[in-house]
Amino acid sequence: MMFTVTVVALFPAMFLALARAISGPTLFDRVLAVNSFGTFTVLMIAVLGFMTDQTDFIDIALTYAPVSYTHLRAHETSLHL
């Protein structure tokens, strides 16, 4: 029950982060929104792994987290932030 509530709460948060990334007034708002969306994605994968008792999802979430972070930092460097 608790994991279901978490998944239901994460969907609007992911949608709002995506909306902020698209319509952010400044570049910094967009970067923060993309970072938040990546964090929400890692949480969603981990929670779905717990709900379905598949430990592979946890491994995927732990692999996705540093990839998302590195991708964001690479774009910041290319944009000279």
Protein backbone atom coordinates (compact mmCIF):
# COMPACT_ATOMS: atom_id res chain seq x y z
CA MET A 1 0.00 0.00 0.00
CA MET A 2 2.76 2.43 0.93
CA PHE A 3 4.66 1.82 -2.31
CA THR A 4 1.50 2.35 -4.35
CA VAL A 5 0.97 5.73 -2.70
CA THR A 6 4.60 6.58 -3.44
CA VAL A 7 4.19 5.74 -7.13
CA VAL A 8 0.98 7.78 -7.33
CA ALA A 9 2.76 10.74 -5.69
CA LEU A 10 5.80 10.49 -7.97
CA PHE A 11 3.85 10.77 -11.23
CA PRO A 12 2.62 14.35 -10.65
CA ALA A 13 6.05 15.33 -9.33
CA MET A 14 7.69 13.97 -12.48
CA PHE A 15 5.12 15.75 -14.65
CA LEU A 16 5.71 19.06 -12.86
CA ALA A 17 9.48 18.69 -13.17
CA LEU A 18 9.11 17.99 -16.88
CA ALA A 19 6.81 20.98 -17.31
CA ARG A 20 9.34 23.17 -15.49
CA ALA A 21 12.12 21.87 -17.73
CA ILE A 22 10.15 22.83 -20.82
CA SER A 23 8.86 26.22 -19.66
CA GLY A 24 11.52 27.34 -17.18
CA PRO A 25 12.18 31.05 -17.52
CA THR A 26 15.94 30.66 -17.11
CA LEU A 27 18.49 28.04 -18.04
CA PHE A 28 19.20 27.34 -14.38
CA ASP A 29 15.54 26.47 -13.79
CA ARG A 30 15.69 24.02 -16.66
CA VAL A 31 18.88 22.40 -15.37
CA LEU A 32 17.38 21.97 -11.90
CA ALA A 33 14.20 20.53 -13.38
CA VAL A 34 16.12 17.98 -15.45
CA ASN A 35 18.12 17.01 -12.37
CA SER A 36 14.89 16.59 -10.38
CA PHE A 37 13.34 14.52 -13.14
CA GLY A 38 16.38 12.21 -13.10
CA THR A 39 16.09 11.82 -9.34
CA PHE A 40 12.38 11.05 -9.60
CA THR A 41 13.13 8.49 -12.30
CA VAL A 42 15.63 6.71 -10.05
CA LEU A 43 13.07 6.70 -7.23
CA MET A 44 10.36 5.37 -9.53
CA ILE A 45 12.56 2.51 -10.77
CA ALA A 46 13.57 1.61 -7.21
CA VAL A 47 10.00 1.68 -5.89
CA LEU A 48 8.74 -0.43 -8.79
CA GLY A 49 11.55 -2.89 -8.04
CA PHE A 50 10.43 -3.13 -4.43
CA MET A 51 6.77 -3.51 -5.43
CA THR A 52 7.45 -6.37 -7.84
CA ASP A 53 10.20 -8.01 -5.73
CA GLN A 54 12.63 -7.83 -8.63
CA THR A 55 16.06 -6.89 -7.36
CA ASP A 56 17.28 -6.20 -10.90
CA PHE A 57 15.33 -2.93 -10.86
CA ILE A 58 17.37 -1.76 -7.89
CA ASP A 59 20.56 -2.47 -9.82
CA ILE A 60 19.20 -0.56 -12.79
CA ALA A 61 18.28 2.41 -10.58
CA LEU A 62 21.74 2.42 -9.00
CA THR A 63 23.30 2.35 -12.46
CA TYR A 64 21.02 5.06 -13.84
CA ALA A 65 21.76 7.52 -11.02
CA PRO A 66 25.44 8.22 -11.82
CA VAL A 67 24.72 8.18 -15.55
CA SER A 68 22.05 10.85 -15.09
CA TYR A 69 24.38 12.92 -12.90
CA THR A 70 27.29 12.65 -15.35
CA HIS A 71 25.04 13.53 -18.29
CA LEU A 72 23.79 16.64 -16.52
CA ARG A 73 27.31 17.76 -15.59
CA ALA A 74 28.52 17.22 -19.15
CA HIS A 75 25.78 19.49 -20.48
CA GLU A 76 26.57 22.11 -17.86
CA THR A 77 30.19 22.10 -18.98
CA SER A 78 29.23 22.41 -22.62
CA LEU A 79 26.90 25.34 -21.79
CA HIS A 80 29.61 27.04 -19.67
CA LEU A 81 27.46 27.24 -16.54
